[in-house]
Amino acid sequence: MPDLVRSAGGNPVAARPGARSVQTTWQELSDAAPDVVLVTPCGFQLDGATRQAETVAPRFPGAAVWAIDADGLVVRPGPRLVDGVEAIAAILHPDAVPEPPVGTVARVV
């Protein structure tokens, strides 16, 4: 994910590009003070990601929380990764990048 965020023009503040994932705490994630939180649970489509994002959102009151159809956009190798980068870019740069296809991302309020 951090590499996809970088490719989309973002700065992954709570992850290490090019490195393995590591266990962390909610406090460490909150301390990173993200502007945007992307909830992209492996193996979940948008509805499941949205349910998880709804539980995450209260932990980040100052951030925009987004759910992403991870199963369709970010966890499978191949051309769909480009679609995932474009979807993330649309979230991060809404004035510069066209909206992603309907049913691929959702903002959680």
Protein backbone atom coordinates (compact mmCIF):
# COMPACT_ATOMS: atom_id res chain seq x y z
CA MET A 1 0.00 0.00 0.00
CA PRO A 2 2.67 2.60 0.78
CA ASP A 3 4.11 2.18 -2.71
CA LEU A 4 0.66 2.65 -4.24
CA VAL A 5 0.09 5.78 -2.14
CA ARG A 6 3.44 7.18 -3.28
CA SER A 7 2.62 6.37 -6.91
CA ALA A 8 -0.68 8.25 -6.45
CA GLY A 9 1.16 11.35 -5.23
CA GLY A 10 0.70 10.83 -1.51
CA ASN A 11 2.99 10.51 1.48
CA PRO A 12 2.42 7.30 3.47
CA VAL A 13 2.93 8.62 7.00
CA ALA A 14 2.27 5.37 8.86
CA ALA A 15 3.89 2.82 6.56
CA ARG A 16 7.28 2.11 5.11
CA PRO A 17 7.50 1.99 1.29
CA GLY A 18 9.44 -1.02 0.05
CA ALA A 19 9.42 -2.70 3.45
CA ARG A 20 7.43 -5.53 4.98
CA SER A 21 4.33 -4.73 7.00
CA VAL A 22 4.81 -4.64 10.74
CA GLN A 23 2.42 -4.88 13.64
CA THR A 24 1.48 -1.49 15.06
CA THR A 25 -0.96 0.07 17.50
CA TRP A 26 -3.88 2.42 17.03
CA GLN A 27 -1.93 4.99 19.04
CA GLU A 28 1.04 4.83 16.66
CA LEU A 29 -1.26 5.27 13.69
CA SER A 30 -3.04 8.18 15.34
CA ASP A 31 0.29 9.77 16.31
CA ALA A 32 1.24 9.78 12.61
CA ALA A 33 -1.51 12.41 12.20
CA PRO A 34 -2.74 11.34 8.75
CA ASP A 35 -4.86 13.71 6.68
CA VAL A 36 -6.38 10.74 4.87
CA VAL A 37 -6.90 7.19 6.08
CA LEU A 38 -7.35 4.46 3.46
CA VAL A 39 -9.04 1.30 4.68
CA THR A 40 -8.09 -1.44 2.23
CA PRO A 41 -8.54 -4.80 3.96
CA CYS A 42 -7.11 -7.70 1.98
CA GLY A 43 -9.79 -9.88 0.45
CA PHE A 44 -12.63 -7.42 1.02
CA GLN A 45 -14.75 -5.70 -1.58
CA LEU A 46 -16.17 -2.23 -0.99
CA ASP A 47 -19.05 -3.22 1.29
CA GLY A 48 -16.80 -5.07 3.74
CA ALA A 49 -14.14 -2.36 3.56
CA THR A 50 -16.79 0.26 4.30
CA ARG A 51 -17.96 -1.61 7.39
CA GLN A 52 -14.39 -1.78 8.64
CA ALA A 53 -13.79 1.89 7.81
CA GLU A 54 -16.82 2.84 9.90
CA THR A 55 -15.15 1.27 12.94
CA VAL A 56 -11.85 3.02 12.16
CA ALA A 57 -13.21 6.53 11.52
CA PRO A 58 -13.77 7.51 15.19
CA ARG A 59 -10.07 6.92 15.87
CA PHE A 60 -9.12 9.60 13.33
CA PRO A 61 -11.47 12.55 13.92
CA GLY A 62 -9.37 14.99 11.88
CA ALA A 63 -8.81 12.73 8.88
CA ALA A 64 -10.84 11.87 5.82
CA VAL A 65 -11.49 8.12 6.02
CA TRP A 66 -12.00 6.21 2.79
CA ALA A 67 -12.87 2.58 2.11
CA ILE A 68 -11.45 0.99 -1.02
CA ASP A 69 -12.47 -2.19 -2.83
CA ALA A 70 -9.13 -3.76 -1.98
CA ASP A 71 -9.99 -7.11 -3.53
CA GLY A 72 -10.61 -5.46 -6.89
CA LEU A 73 -8.04 -2.67 -6.86
CA VAL A 74 -5.01 -3.16 -4.67
CA VAL A 75 -4.30 -6.74 -3.58
CA ARG A 76 -4.16 -8.52 -6.92
CA PRO A 77 -1.11 -8.27 -9.13
CA GLY A 78 -1.54 -7.04 -12.66
CA PRO A 79 -3.15 -4.15 -14.51
CA ARG A 80 -5.76 -3.56 -11.80
CA LEU A 81 -3.02 -2.08 -9.63
CA VAL A 82 -3.01 0.87 -12.03
CA ASP A 83 -6.74 1.26 -11.36
CA GLY A 84 -5.93 1.22 -7.65
CA VAL A 85 -3.31 3.94 -8.00
CA GLU A 86 -5.77 6.02 -10.02
CA ALA A 87 -8.48 5.55 -7.36
CA ILE A 88 -6.08 6.61 -4.61
CA ALA A 89 -4.94 9.59 -6.69
CA ALA A 90 -8.58 10.63 -7.10
CA ILE A 91 -9.02 10.52 -3.32
CA LEU A 92 -5.83 12.47 -2.65
CA HIS A 93 -6.15 14.96 -5.53
CA PRO A 94 -9.86 15.32 -6.32
CA ASP A 95 -9.38 18.54 -8.28
CA ALA A 96 -6.74 17.03 -10.55
CA VAL A 97 -7.80 13.42 -11.10
CA PRO A 98 -11.15 12.12 -12.37
CA GLU A 99 -13.37 10.29 -9.89
CA PRO A 100 -12.82 6.54 -9.66
CA PRO A 101 -15.51 4.23 -11.03
CA VAL A 102 -18.68 3.96 -8.97
CA GLY A 103 -18.52 1.13 -6.47
CA THR A 104 -14.75 1.17 -5.99
CA VAL A 105 -14.27 3.72 -3.17
CA ALA A 106 -16.46 5.34 -0.53
CA ARG A 107 -15.85 8.15 1.93
CA VAL A 108 -16.87 7.24 5.45
CA VAL A 109 -18.21 10.05 7.58
